[in-house]
Amino acid sequence: MALIKCPECGREISDKAVSCPGCGYPISFSNLDTTNDISISENSIDSLVADVVSRNNYKKVQAIKELTTLTGKSLSECKNLVDTYCSSHSNNNTFKPKKVIEGVSIDAINKKWQKGLFGPVRNGSEIADVNIYENGSSLSNTRTGSMLGRAAIGAIINPVGAAVGAVTAKRKGVDLINSIQVVVSTTDPNEPTITIDIKMSKKTKKDSKDYSKAISKARELEAALKALTF
């Protein structure tokens, strides 16, 4: 095992690490062990590409080189990823995200956001409400009131979890969390709810570091999205 420096915070970490234990920056997707009990979000690579491109000020060559180093993918694969990301933003010059949280790109200046590489760029004014869900049950206090009832949204994002969450929430001492999601209620009738899954281990205890990191990410994303509505 060799020690390398995290490109984000400069901390010395193992070259076998999946992400920096200090700041959470993804180190190498080739280090992921898909046989363990870790649930890897499908937005992980999207988040990394968006972060790398934004950090390099949309300079493709620099972004491709950095992405190749971080992921272990070939230059052609990384070029396709970067080209796709830049192309999806070329028709919207007012969208320049400076922050990426769990695969969601946030442009706080222009009040816009995007889920993943291929999702539409949305205006913050279309956000009606943002809530955090654990095991299908809401943790958040609504600011404007959801367009749909919390129970209805819970059933949409996780029909089994909603039912189980409603029962187990009454029990004292329940501390195992299987899922954390940020759910955005929108004014778009074609897509009234948008769900973002937060990366975390399955059956995570509430007093664990993994839970603390996951819920912190969820709250960070919730706050960032709500800020776009002001």
Protein backbone atom coordinates (compact mmCIF):
# COMPACT_ATOMS: atom_id res chain seq x y z
CA MET A 1 0.00 0.00 0.00
CA ALA A 2 1.28 3.45 -0.92
CA LEU A 3 0.26 6.86 0.33
CA ILE A 4 -1.00 9.51 -2.06
CA LYS A 5 -2.33 13.02 -1.59
CA CYS A 6 -6.02 13.74 -1.97
CA PRO A 7 -6.37 16.15 -4.95
CA GLU A 8 -9.08 18.02 -3.08
CA CYS A 9 -7.78 18.57 0.47
CA GLY A 10 -4.15 17.41 0.24
CA ARG A 11 -4.48 14.82 2.99
CA GLU A 12 -2.27 11.72 2.73
CA ILE A 13 -4.41 8.64 2.13
CA SER A 14 -4.04 5.06 0.90
CA ASP A 15 -3.85 4.54 -2.85
CA LYS A 16 -6.41 1.75 -2.33
CA ALA A 17 -9.00 4.13 -0.86
CA VAL A 18 -12.26 4.60 -2.74
CA SER A 19 -12.64 8.14 -1.37
CA CYS A 20 -10.78 10.51 0.94
CA PRO A 21 -11.79 9.87 4.58
CA GLY A 22 -11.27 13.54 5.30
CA CYS A 23 -13.34 15.32 2.62
CA GLY A 24 -15.07 12.45 0.83
CA TYR A 25 -13.46 13.19 -2.54
CA PRO A 26 -13.65 10.10 -4.84
CA ILE A 27 -10.14 8.71 -5.45
CA SER A 28 -10.63 5.81 -7.85
CA PHE A 29 -13.75 4.03 -8.96
CA SER A 30 -11.57 1.04 -9.85
CA ASN A 31 -11.11 0.45 -6.11
CA LEU A 32 -14.82 -0.21 -5.53
CA ASP A 33 -15.63 -3.72 -4.38
CA THR A 34 -19.09 -4.46 -5.72
CA THR A 35 -19.27 -7.70 -3.73
CA ASN A 36 -19.56 -5.95 -0.37
CA ASP A 37 -22.67 -4.47 1.22
CA ILE A 38 -22.11 -0.96 -0.10
CA SER A 39 -24.81 0.62 -2.26
CA ILE A 40 -23.08 2.76 -4.93
CA SER A 41 -25.19 5.56 -6.36
CA GLU A 42 -25.59 5.57 -10.12
CA ASN A 43 -24.86 9.29 -9.95
CA SER A 44 -21.27 8.76 -8.68
CA ILE A 45 -19.54 9.05 -12.06
CA ASP A 46 -21.88 11.88 -13.12
CA SER A 47 -20.96 13.78 -9.99
CA LEU A 48 -17.24 13.23 -10.55
CA VAL A 49 -17.36 14.36 -14.20
CA ALA A 50 -19.31 17.49 -13.31
CA ASP A 51 -16.93 18.29 -10.46
CA VAL A 52 -13.79 17.78 -12.57
CA VAL A 53 -15.08 19.84 -15.51
CA SER A 54 -16.23 22.67 -13.25
CA ARG A 55 -12.95 22.70 -11.29
CA ASN A 56 -10.99 22.95 -14.55
CA ASN A 57 -13.18 25.83 -15.78
CA TYR A 58 -14.56 23.73 -18.67
CA LYS A 59 -11.08 23.21 -20.18
CA LYS A 60 -11.57 19.80 -21.77
CA VAL A 61 -7.94 18.65 -22.05
CA GLN A 62 -7.21 19.29 -18.39
CA ALA A 63 -10.50 17.74 -17.33
CA ILE A 64 -9.92 14.59 -19.40
CA LYS A 65 -6.41 14.10 -17.96
CA GLU A 66 -7.64 14.48 -14.38
CA LEU A 67 -10.62 12.19 -14.97
CA THR A 68 -8.32 9.52 -16.44
CA THR A 69 -6.12 9.64 -13.35
CA LEU A 70 -9.05 9.47 -10.93
CA THR A 71 -11.07 6.72 -12.59
CA GLY A 72 -8.48 4.58 -14.36
CA LYS A 73 -10.62 4.74 -17.51
CA SER A 74 -9.07 5.15 -20.96
CA LEU A 75 -8.55 8.56 -22.54
CA SER A 76 -11.26 7.85 -25.12
CA GLU A 77 -13.78 6.91 -22.42
CA CYS A 78 -12.99 10.02 -20.39
CA LYS A 79 -13.11 12.18 -23.53
CA ASN A 80 -16.61 10.90 -24.27
CA LEU A 81 -17.73 11.63 -20.71
CA VAL A 82 -16.32 15.15 -20.75
CA ASP A 83 -17.61 15.89 -24.27
CA THR A 84 -21.08 14.71 -23.27
CA TYR A 85 -21.11 16.89 -20.18
CA CYS A 86 -19.85 19.99 -21.99
CA SER A 87 -22.25 19.42 -24.90
CA SER A 88 -25.23 19.20 -22.55
CA HIS A 89 -24.33 22.64 -21.21
CA SER A 90 -23.40 24.33 -24.49
CA ASN A 91 -26.97 25.36 -25.22
CA ASN A 92 -27.40 26.93 -21.82
CA ASN A 93 -24.60 29.41 -21.27
CA THR A 94 -26.25 30.73 -18.13
CA PHE A 95 -25.79 27.42 -16.30
CA LYS A 96 -22.34 27.28 -14.70
CA PRO A 97 -22.49 25.02 -11.65
CA LYS A 98 -19.78 25.50 -9.05
CA LYS A 99 -20.93 22.78 -6.65
CA VAL A 100 -21.87 19.13 -7.14
CA ILE A 101 -23.61 17.22 -4.34
CA GLU A 102 -24.50 13.56 -4.83
CA GLY A 103 -24.66 13.93 -8.61
CA VAL A 104 -26.68 17.17 -8.47
CA SER A 105 -25.02 20.22 -10.05
CA ILE A 106 -25.85 23.50 -8.33
CA ASP A 107 -25.56 26.96 -9.91
CA ALA A 108 -26.28 29.26 -6.97
CA ILE A 109 -25.68 32.44 -8.99
CA ASN A 110 -28.14 31.72 -11.78
CA LYS A 111 -30.51 29.77 -9.49
CA LYS A 112 -30.44 26.58 -11.56
CA TRP A 113 -29.73 22.90 -10.95
CA GLN A 114 -29.36 19.60 -12.77
CA LYS A 115 -29.59 15.97 -11.68
CA GLY A 116 -26.93 13.82 -13.37
CA LEU A 117 -25.19 14.45 -16.68
CA PHE A 118 -28.24 14.04 -18.89
CA GLY A 119 -31.03 15.53 -16.82
CA PRO A 120 -32.65 18.82 -17.85
CA VAL A 121 -31.34 22.06 -16.36
CA ARG A 122 -34.07 23.31 -14.04
CA ASN A 123 -34.86 26.70 -12.55
CA GLY A 124 -34.91 27.08 -8.79
CA SER A 125 -38.27 28.82 -9.11
CA GLU A 126 -39.78 25.45 -10.09
CA ILE A 127 -38.94 23.97 -6.68
CA ALA A 128 -42.02 23.81 -4.46
CA ASP A 129 -40.45 21.96 -1.55
CA VAL A 130 -37.47 19.79 -0.55
CA ASN A 131 -37.62 16.99 2.01
CA ILE A 132 -35.27 14.36 3.41
CA TYR A 133 -36.58 10.81 3.77
CA GLU A 134 -35.21 7.97 5.89
CA ASN A 135 -36.64 4.54 5.16
CA GLY A 136 -39.53 6.23 3.35
CA SER A 137 -40.44 8.60 6.20
CA SER A 138 -39.92 12.36 6.02
CA LEU A 139 -37.51 14.13 8.37
CA SER A 140 -37.84 17.64 6.96
CA ASN A 141 -40.04 20.52 7.93
CA THR A 142 -41.83 21.91 4.89
CA ARG A 143 -41.25 25.56 4.00
CA THR A 144 -44.05 26.13 1.52
CA GLY A 145 -46.02 22.89 1.86
CA SER A 146 -45.61 19.99 -0.52
CA MET A 147 -47.64 19.73 -3.67
CA LEU A 148 -48.26 16.11 -2.69
CA GLY A 149 -48.82 14.74 0.79
CA ARG A 150 -45.78 13.31 2.50
CA ALA A 151 -47.38 9.89 2.69
CA ALA A 152 -48.11 9.97 -1.03
CA ILE A 153 -44.55 10.99 -1.87
CA GLY A 154 -43.18 8.35 0.44
CA ALA A 155 -45.23 5.73 -1.35
CA ILE A 156 -43.99 6.94 -4.72
CA ILE A 157 -40.28 6.86 -3.86
CA ASN A 158 -40.42 3.69 -1.76
CA PRO A 159 -43.81 1.96 -1.40
CA VAL A 160 -42.45 -0.78 0.86
CA GLY A 161 -40.23 1.56 2.87
CA ALA A 162 -43.13 3.95 3.40
CA ALA A 163 -45.27 1.25 4.95
CA VAL A 164 -42.45 -0.19 7.01
CA GLY A 165 -41.27 3.26 8.06
CA ALA A 166 -44.72 4.21 9.27
CA VAL A 167 -44.83 1.15 11.54
CA THR A 168 -41.24 1.06 12.75
CA ALA A 169 -41.14 4.78 13.46
CA LYS A 170 -43.42 4.10 16.42
CA ARG A 171 -41.02 1.65 17.96
CA LYS A 172 -38.43 2.92 20.38
CA GLY A 173 -34.81 2.15 19.68
CA VAL A 174 -35.12 1.70 15.92
CA ASP A 175 -31.75 2.88 14.61
CA LEU A 176 -31.07 0.95 11.38
CA ILE A 177 -31.34 3.04 8.23
CA ASN A 178 -31.55 1.37 4.82
CA SER A 179 -32.01 4.47 2.67
CA ILE A 180 -31.72 8.24 2.75
CA GLN A 181 -33.26 10.25 -0.07
CA VAL A 182 -33.72 13.91 -0.90
CA VAL A 183 -37.08 14.41 -2.60
CA VAL A 184 -37.79 17.59 -4.56
CA SER A 185 -41.42 18.56 -5.17
CA THR A 186 -41.71 20.68 -8.33
CA THR A 187 -44.29 22.75 -10.16
CA ASP A 188 -43.69 20.66 -13.29
CA PRO A 189 -46.86 18.56 -13.85
CA ASN A 190 -44.85 16.08 -15.93
CA GLU A 191 -42.39 15.43 -13.10
CA PRO A 192 -43.91 16.52 -9.78
CA THR A 193 -41.27 14.73 -7.70
CA ILE A 194 -37.56 14.17 -8.28
CA THR A 195 -35.71 11.75 -6.00
CA ILE A 196 -31.98 11.80 -5.25
CA ASP A 197 -30.55 8.76 -3.48
CA ILE A 198 -27.78 9.47 -0.98
CA LYS A 199 -24.86 7.01 -1.03
CA MET A 200 -24.64 4.93 2.13
CA SER A 201 -24.17 1.39 3.41
CA LYS A 202 -27.20 -0.83 3.88
CA LYS A 203 -28.52 -1.33 7.42
CA THR A 204 -26.57 1.64 8.72
CA LYS A 205 -26.77 2.47 12.41
CA LYS A 206 -27.64 6.03 13.35
CA ASP A 207 -24.61 6.32 15.61
CA SER A 208 -22.19 5.32 12.81
CA LYS A 209 -19.82 7.55 10.85
CA ASP A 210 -21.38 6.35 7.59
CA TYR A 211 -24.80 7.57 8.70
CA SER A 212 -23.40 10.87 9.90
CA LYS A 213 -21.71 11.44 6.53
CA ALA A 214 -24.81 10.46 4.55
CA ILE A 215 -27.25 12.62 6.52
CA SER A 216 -24.82 15.56 6.34
CA LYS A 217 -24.76 15.23 2.54
CA ALA A 218 -28.55 15.06 2.47
CA ARG A 219 -28.87 18.20 4.57
CA GLU A 220 -26.26 19.99 2.47
CA LEU A 221 -28.18 19.14 -0.71
CA GLU A 222 -31.51 20.08 0.86
CA ALA A 223 -30.14 23.49 1.91
CA ALA A 224 -28.50 24.13 -1.48
CA LEU A 225 -31.71 23.37 -3.37
CA LYS A 226 -33.89 25.43 -1.04
CA ALA A 227 -31.47 28.36 -1.46
CA LEU A 228 -32.26 28.37 -5.18
CA THR A 229 -35.87 29.31 -4.45
CA PHE A 230 -35.04 32.62 -2.73
